Amino acid sequence: MKRVAKILPVGSWAVEQATDVFCADYEGRHRRRMVLPLQSGEKVLLELEHARLLQAGEGLCLEDGRIIKVEALPEELMEVRAQNPLHLVQLAWHLGNRHLPAAIEPERILIRYDHVIADMVKGLGGHIHRVQAAFDPESGAYAAREHGHTHHDHDHDHDHDLDLDHDHHDHVHEHTHEHEHRHSHSHGHVEHHHGGHSHSHG
């Protein structure tokens, strides 16, 4: 089975160079490692460091030099329309606050259907329609997934700092104990010397 060697960005390669097509919906194109079934019936292996969305128009360059074109399969989506351009921007702001994958167009916003979000949009004066369309959301939706990973690394560093603080606490405790031990020993020595002096005087 051939492997995908690299991904060619949209517009960076000539589409007529494609020798095959990989077509899938949003879920089928958002992957890290999977076997991709091509239009010809052949299967190729995709292995990435992090999960990402394969965008329509990208090229999957195989080990043997062939290029596979990525296409978005139409799926059921929710079309959000507004009363005017400003209202559409306001609706986009509310949707963005919920970190939803969204495809933003001049007169509409496409998102995957969610009845809770549909009720919210209607409450804000927007209009909802169910449509069948290819879904290729803004790349910012994928960038949010990358930030959660950075946040994980930050948590790991924070735990390490706590371990260092714990070691420092143990060191202080041992030093205090040693100091008290020396003090008690010296005090006993003085009493013994004083007793010896009294005995000689007698």
C-alpha atoms as a PDB file:
ATOM      1  CA  MET A   1       0.000   0.000   0.000  1.00  0.00           C
ATOM      2  CA  LYS A   2       1.380   3.382  -1.026  1.00  0.00           C
ATOM      3  CA  ARG A   3       1.766   6.152   1.541  1.00  0.00           C
ATOM      4  CA  VAL A   4       1.044   9.867   1.312  1.00  0.00           C
ATOM      5  CA  ALA A   5       4.480  11.525   1.294  1.00  0.00           C
ATOM      6  CA  LYS A   6       3.307  15.146   1.558  1.00  0.00           C
ATOM      7  CA  ILE A   7       0.258  17.374   1.192  1.00  0.00           C
ATOM      8  CA  LEU A   8       0.236  20.051  -1.507  1.00  0.00           C
ATOM      9  CA  PRO A   9      -1.652  23.254  -0.520  1.00  0.00           C
ATOM     10  CA  VAL A  10      -4.607  24.488  -2.560  1.00  0.00           C
ATOM     11  CA  GLY A  11      -3.395  26.437  -5.600  1.00  0.00           C
ATOM     12  CA  SER A  12       0.199  25.217  -5.358  1.00  0.00           C
ATOM     13  CA  TRP A  13      -0.201  22.467  -7.956  1.00  0.00           C
ATOM     14  CA  ALA A  14      -1.939  21.913 -11.300  1.00  0.00           C
ATOM     15  CA  VAL A  15      -5.212  20.025 -10.769  1.00  0.00           C
ATOM     16  CA  GLU A  16      -4.854  18.278 -14.141  1.00  0.00           C
ATOM     17  CA  GLN A  17      -1.833  16.443 -12.693  1.00  0.00           C
ATOM     18  CA  ALA A  18      -4.116  14.419 -10.414  1.00  0.00           C
ATOM     19  CA  THR A  19      -4.263  10.720 -11.256  1.00  0.00           C
ATOM     20  CA  ASP A  20      -7.017   9.849  -8.754  1.00  0.00           C
ATOM     21  CA  VAL A  21      -9.479  11.399  -6.290  1.00  0.00           C
ATOM     22  CA  PHE A  22     -10.165  11.060  -2.572  1.00  0.00           C
ATOM     23  CA  CYS A  23     -13.685  12.287  -1.775  1.00  0.00           C
ATOM     24  CA  ALA A  24     -15.190  12.354   1.729  1.00  0.00           C
ATOM     25  CA  ASP A  25     -17.351  14.450   4.050  1.00  0.00           C
ATOM     26  CA  TYR A  26     -15.957  16.625   6.854  1.00  0.00           C
ATOM     27  CA  GLU A  27     -15.522  13.767   9.325  1.00  0.00           C
ATOM     28  CA  GLY A  28     -13.923  11.558   6.697  1.00  0.00           C
ATOM     29  CA  ARG A  29     -11.387  14.264   5.797  1.00  0.00           C
ATOM     30  CA  HIS A  30     -10.432  15.186   9.370  1.00  0.00           C
ATOM     31  CA  ARG A  31      -7.905  12.511  10.252  1.00  0.00           C
ATOM     32  CA  ARG A  32      -4.405  11.819  11.538  1.00  0.00           C
ATOM     33  CA  ARG A  33      -3.904   8.205  10.451  1.00  0.00           C
ATOM     34  CA  MET A  34      -6.198   6.187   8.212  1.00  0.00           C
ATOM     35  CA  VAL A  35      -6.482   4.206   4.996  1.00  0.00           C
ATOM     36  CA  LEU A  36      -7.957   6.440   2.289  1.00  0.00           C
ATOM     37  CA  PRO A  37     -10.197   4.743  -0.299  1.00  0.00           C
ATOM     38  CA  LEU A  38      -9.661   6.367  -3.695  1.00  0.00           C
ATOM     39  CA  GLN A  39     -12.154   6.763  -6.513  1.00  0.00           C
ATOM     40  CA  SER A  40     -10.335   4.108  -8.578  1.00  0.00           C
ATOM     41  CA  GLY A  41     -10.671   1.517  -5.808  1.00  0.00           C
ATOM     42  CA  GLU A  42      -7.033   1.764  -4.731  1.00  0.00           C
ATOM     43  CA  LYS A  43      -6.246   2.477  -1.072  1.00  0.00           C
ATOM     44  CA  VAL A  44      -3.409   4.621   0.291  1.00  0.00           C
ATOM     45  CA  LEU A  45      -2.151   5.226   3.817  1.00  0.00           C
ATOM     46  CA  LEU A  46      -2.230   8.656   5.462  1.00  0.00           C
ATOM     47  CA  GLU A  47      -0.027   9.176   8.537  1.00  0.00           C
ATOM     48  CA  LEU A  48       0.289  12.659  10.039  1.00  0.00           C
ATOM     49  CA  GLU A  49       1.838  13.942  13.252  1.00  0.00           C
ATOM     50  CA  HIS A  50      -1.424  15.668  14.212  1.00  0.00           C
ATOM     51  CA  ALA A  51      -5.018  15.323  13.044  1.00  0.00           C
ATOM     52  CA  ARG A  52      -6.017  17.929  10.465  1.00  0.00           C
ATOM     53  CA  LEU A  53      -8.642  18.609   7.839  1.00  0.00           C
ATOM     54  CA  LEU A  54      -7.799  17.631   4.281  1.00  0.00           C
ATOM     55  CA  GLN A  55      -9.197  20.612   2.385  1.00  0.00           C
ATOM     56  CA  ALA A  56     -10.921  20.354  -0.970  1.00  0.00           C
ATOM     57  CA  GLY A  57      -8.402  21.201  -3.681  1.00  0.00           C
ATOM     58  CA  GLU A  58      -5.349  19.956  -1.805  1.00  0.00           C
ATOM     59  CA  GLY A  59      -3.127  17.340  -3.421  1.00  0.00           C
ATOM     60  CA  LEU A  60      -1.913  14.185  -1.703  1.00  0.00           C
ATOM     61  CA  CYS A  61       1.504  13.403  -3.145  1.00  0.00           C
ATOM     62  CA  LEU A  62       2.279   9.681  -2.917  1.00  0.00           C
ATOM     63  CA  GLU A  63       5.671   8.011  -2.532  1.00  0.00           C
ATOM     64  CA  ASP A  64       5.739   7.160  -6.238  1.00  0.00           C
ATOM     65  CA  GLY A  65       5.101  10.781  -7.285  1.00  0.00           C
ATOM     66  CA  ARG A  66       1.420  10.461  -8.170  1.00  0.00           C
ATOM     67  CA  ILE A  67      -0.938  13.168  -6.902  1.00  0.00           C
ATOM     68  CA  ILE A  68      -4.397  12.484  -5.477  1.00  0.00           C
ATOM     69  CA  LYS A  69      -6.943  15.310  -5.533  1.00  0.00           C
ATOM     70  CA  VAL A  70      -9.001  15.915  -2.382  1.00  0.00           C
ATOM     71  CA  GLU A  71     -12.704  16.634  -2.893  1.00  0.00           C
ATOM     72  CA  ALA A  72     -15.419  17.430  -0.341  1.00  0.00           C
ATOM     73  CA  LEU A  73     -18.459  15.159  -0.419  1.00  0.00           C
ATOM     74  CA  PRO A  74     -21.764  17.083  -0.084  1.00  0.00           C
ATOM     75  CA  GLU A  75     -23.429  16.543   3.302  1.00  0.00           C
ATOM     76  CA  GLU A  76     -26.350  17.880   5.321  1.00  0.00           C
ATOM     77  CA  LEU A  77     -25.488  21.296   6.723  1.00  0.00           C
ATOM     78  CA  MET A  78     -27.192  24.234   8.368  1.00  0.00           C
ATOM     79  CA  GLU A  79     -27.226  27.453   6.372  1.00  0.00           C
ATOM     80  CA  VAL A  80     -27.278  30.610   8.481  1.00  0.00           C
ATOM     81  CA  ARG A  81     -28.553  33.784   6.823  1.00  0.00           C
ATOM     82  CA  ALA A  82     -28.931  37.248   8.301  1.00  0.00           C
ATOM     83  CA  GLN A  83     -31.014  40.397   7.842  1.00  0.00           C
ATOM     84  CA  ASN A  84     -28.050  42.414   6.526  1.00  0.00           C
ATOM     85  CA  PRO A  85     -24.219  42.224   6.283  1.00  0.00           C
ATOM     86  CA  LEU A  86     -23.686  43.656   9.775  1.00  0.00           C
ATOM     87  CA  HIS A  87     -26.116  41.155  11.249  1.00  0.00           C
ATOM     88  CA  LEU A  88     -24.211  38.318   9.526  1.00  0.00           C
ATOM     89  CA  VAL A  89     -20.992  39.510  11.183  1.00  0.00           C
ATOM     90  CA  GLN A  90     -22.754  39.541  14.556  1.00  0.00           C
ATOM     91  CA  LEU A  91     -24.027  35.991  14.027  1.00  0.00           C
ATOM     92  CA  ALA A  92     -20.521  34.900  12.999  1.00  0.00           C
ATOM     93  CA  TRP A  93     -19.189  36.357  16.264  1.00  0.00           C
ATOM     94  CA  HIS A  94     -21.672  34.332  18.337  1.00  0.00           C
ATOM     95  CA  LEU A  95     -20.895  31.141  16.407  1.00  0.00           C
ATOM     96  CA  GLY A  96     -17.164  31.773  16.796  1.00  0.00           C
ATOM     97  CA  ASN A  97     -17.580  32.006  20.566  1.00  0.00           C
ATOM     98  CA  ARG A  98     -18.733  28.380  20.473  1.00  0.00           C
ATOM     99  CA  HIS A  99     -15.665  27.258  18.502  1.00  0.00           C
ATOM    100  CA  LEU A 100     -17.780  25.684  15.759  1.00  0.00           C
ATOM    101  CA  PRO A 101     -16.226  24.702  12.422  1.00  0.00           C
ATOM    102  CA  ALA A 102     -17.807  27.165   9.973  1.00  0.00           C
ATOM    103  CA  ALA A 103     -17.541  28.009   6.290  1.00  0.00           C
ATOM    104  CA  ILE A 104     -18.073  31.763   5.927  1.00  0.00           C
ATOM    105  CA  GLU A 105     -19.390  33.101   2.625  1.00  0.00           C
ATOM    106  CA  PRO A 106     -20.431  36.648   1.611  1.00  0.00           C
ATOM    107  CA  GLU A 107     -24.143  36.047   2.249  1.00  0.00           C
ATOM    108  CA  ARG A 108     -24.277  32.980   4.478  1.00  0.00           C
ATOM    109  CA  ILE A 109     -22.474  30.809   7.021  1.00  0.00           C
ATOM    110  CA  LEU A 110     -22.452  27.023   6.760  1.00  0.00           C
ATOM    111  CA  ILE A 111     -22.137  24.844   9.849  1.00  0.00           C
ATOM    112  CA  ARG A 112     -23.047  21.263  10.716  1.00  0.00           C
ATOM    113  CA  TYR A 113     -26.598  20.876  11.965  1.00  0.00           C
ATOM    114  CA  ASP A 114     -27.141  21.317  15.704  1.00  0.00           C
ATOM    115  CA  HIS A 115     -30.644  22.002  17.026  1.00  0.00           C
ATOM    116  CA  VAL A 116     -29.300  23.953  20.027  1.00  0.00           C
ATOM    117  CA  ILE A 117     -27.303  26.270  17.753  1.00  0.00           C
ATOM    118  CA  ALA A 118     -30.289  26.546  15.405  1.00  0.00           C
ATOM    119  CA  ASP A 119     -32.448  27.803  18.286  1.00  0.00           C
ATOM    120  CA  MET A 120     -29.736  30.278  19.298  1.00  0.00           C
ATOM    121  CA  VAL A 121     -29.473  31.692  15.757  1.00  0.00           C
ATOM    122  CA  LYS A 122     -33.250  32.057  15.500  1.00  0.00           C
ATOM    123  CA  GLY A 123     -33.284  33.822  18.865  1.00  0.00           C
ATOM    124  CA  LEU A 124     -30.735  36.293  17.493  1.00  0.00           C
ATOM    125  CA  GLY A 125     -32.942  37.055  14.497  1.00  0.00           C
ATOM    126  CA  GLY A 126     -31.148  34.820  12.005  1.00  0.00           C
ATOM    127  CA  HIS A 127     -32.677  32.438   9.472  1.00  0.00           C
ATOM    128  CA  ILE A 128     -31.910  28.713   9.320  1.00  0.00           C
ATOM    129  CA  HIS A 129     -32.173  26.397   6.310  1.00  0.00           C
ATOM    130  CA  ARG A 130     -31.031  22.807   5.911  1.00  0.00           C
ATOM    131  CA  VAL A 131     -28.955  22.331   2.761  1.00  0.00           C
ATOM    132  CA  GLN A 132     -26.804  19.719   1.046  1.00  0.00           C
ATOM    133  CA  ALA A 133     -23.368  21.169   0.334  1.00  0.00           C
ATOM    134  CA  ALA A 134     -19.652  20.472   0.512  1.00  0.00           C
ATOM    135  CA  PHE A 135     -18.249  21.546   3.881  1.00  0.00           C
ATOM    136  CA  ASP A 136     -14.819  23.146   3.899  1.00  0.00           C
ATOM    137  CA  PRO A 137     -14.664  25.257   7.089  1.00  0.00           C
ATOM    138  CA  GLU A 138     -12.202  28.024   7.881  1.00  0.00           C
ATOM    139  CA  SER A 139      -8.752  26.828   8.946  1.00  0.00           C
ATOM    140  CA  GLY A 140      -9.172  28.649  12.264  1.00  0.00           C
ATOM    141  CA  ALA A 141     -11.358  25.772  13.463  1.00  0.00           C
ATOM    142  CA  TYR A 142      -8.381  23.442  13.056  1.00  0.00           C
ATOM    143  CA  ALA A 143      -6.021  25.929  14.731  1.00  0.00           C
ATOM    144  CA  ALA A 144      -8.131  25.626  17.947  1.00  0.00           C
ATOM    145  CA  ARG A 145      -7.312  21.915  18.130  1.00  0.00           C
ATOM    146  CA  GLU A 146      -3.593  22.762  17.901  1.00  0.00           C
ATOM    147  CA  HIS A 147      -3.905  25.213  20.882  1.00  0.00           C
ATOM    148  CA  GLY A 148      -5.421  22.479  23.252  1.00  0.00           C
ATOM    149  CA  HIS A 149      -2.183  20.451  22.470  1.00  0.00           C
ATOM    150  CA  THR A 150       0.018  23.407  23.545  1.00  0.00           C
ATOM    151  CA  HIS A 151      -2.066  23.753  26.589  1.00  0.00           C
ATOM    152  CA  HIS A 152      -1.310  20.092  27.451  1.00  0.00           C
ATOM    153  CA  ASP A 153       2.427  20.780  27.224  1.00  0.00           C
ATOM    154  CA  HIS A 154       1.960  23.746  29.548  1.00  0.00           C
ATOM    155  CA  ASP A 155       0.204  21.555  32.112  1.00  0.00           C
ATOM    156  CA  HIS A 156       3.086  19.092  32.006  1.00  0.00           C
ATOM    157  CA  ASP A 157       5.629  21.826  32.718  1.00  0.00           C
ATOM    158  CA  HIS A 158       3.502  23.098  35.574  1.00  0.00           C
ATOM    159  CA  ASP A 159       3.436  19.657  37.216  1.00  0.00           C
ATOM    160  CA  HIS A 160       7.210  19.466  36.918  1.00  0.00           C
ATOM    161  CA  ASP A 161       7.548  22.776  38.759  1.00  0.00           C
ATOM    162  CA  LEU A 162       5.408  21.399  41.580  1.00  0.00           C
ATOM    163  CA  ASP A 163       7.801  18.451  41.919  1.00  0.00           C
ATOM    164  CA  LEU A 164      10.724  20.852  42.267  1.00  0.00           C
ATOM    165  CA  ASP A 165       8.901  22.727  45.012  1.00  0.00           C
ATOM    166  CA  HIS A 166       8.317  19.440  46.841  1.00  0.00           C
ATOM    167  CA  ASP A 167      12.043  18.585  46.779  1.00  0.00           C
ATOM    168  CA  HIS A 168      12.909  22.022  48.108  1.00  0.00           C
ATOM    169  CA  HIS A 169      10.501  21.539  51.018  1.00  0.00           C
ATOM    170  CA  ASP A 170      12.179  18.249  51.968  1.00  0.00           C
ATOM    171  CA  HIS A 171      15.586  19.931  51.962  1.00  0.00           C
ATOM    172  CA  VAL A 172      14.446  22.670  54.326  1.00  0.00           C
ATOM    173  CA  HIS A 173      12.908  20.116  56.676  1.00  0.00           C
ATOM    174  CA  GLU A 174      16.122  18.085  56.881  1.00  0.00           C
ATOM    175  CA  HIS A 175      18.224  21.184  57.525  1.00  0.00           C
ATOM    176  CA  THR A 176      15.959  22.279  60.382  1.00  0.00           C
ATOM    177  CA  HIS A 177      16.056  18.842  61.968  1.00  0.00           C
ATOM    178  CA  GLU A 178      19.851  18.766  61.804  1.00  0.00           C
ATOM    179  CA  HIS A 179      20.088  22.203  63.372  1.00  0.00           C
ATOM    180  CA  GLU A 180      17.874  21.195  66.290  1.00  0.00           C
ATOM    181  CA  HIS A 181      19.902  18.032  66.848  1.00  0.00           C
ATOM    182  CA  ARG A 182      23.171  19.951  67.060  1.00  0.00           C
ATOM    183  CA  HIS A 183      21.695  22.463  69.476  1.00  0.00           C
ATOM    184  CA  SER A 184      20.484  19.770  71.858  1.00  0.00           C
ATOM    185  CA  HIS A 185      23.828  17.972  71.772  1.00  0.00           C
ATOM    186  CA  SER A 186      25.774  21.138  72.582  1.00  0.00           C
ATOM    187  CA  HIS A 187      23.477  21.966  75.482  1.00  0.00           C
ATOM    188  CA  GLY A 188      24.080  18.545  77.028  1.00  0.00           C
ATOM    189  CA  HIS A 189      27.838  18.983  76.709  1.00  0.00           C
ATOM    190  CA  VAL A 190      27.759  22.254  78.646  1.00  0.00           C
ATOM    191  CA  GLU A 191      25.829  20.671  81.501  1.00  0.00           C
ATOM    192  CA  HIS A 192      28.326  17.810  81.689  1.00  0.00           C
ATOM    193  CA  HIS A 193      31.276  20.212  81.825  1.00  0.00           C
ATOM    194  CA  HIS A 194      29.606  22.248  84.543  1.00  0.00           C
ATOM    195  CA  GLY A 195      29.050  19.133  86.612  1.00  0.00           C
ATOM    196  CA  GLY A 196      32.705  18.189  86.296  1.00  0.00           C
ATOM    197  CA  HIS A 197      33.802  21.641  87.437  1.00  0.00           C
ATOM    198  CA  SER A 198      31.648  21.463  90.576  1.00  0.00           C
ATOM    199  CA  HIS A 199      33.080  18.073  91.443  1.00  0.00           C
ATOM    200  CA  SER A 200      36.684  19.346  91.223  1.00  0.00           C
ATOM    201  CA  HIS A 201      35.872  22.362  93.362  1.00  0.00           C
ATOM    202  CA  GLY A 202      34.481  20.146  96.103  1.00  0.00           C
END
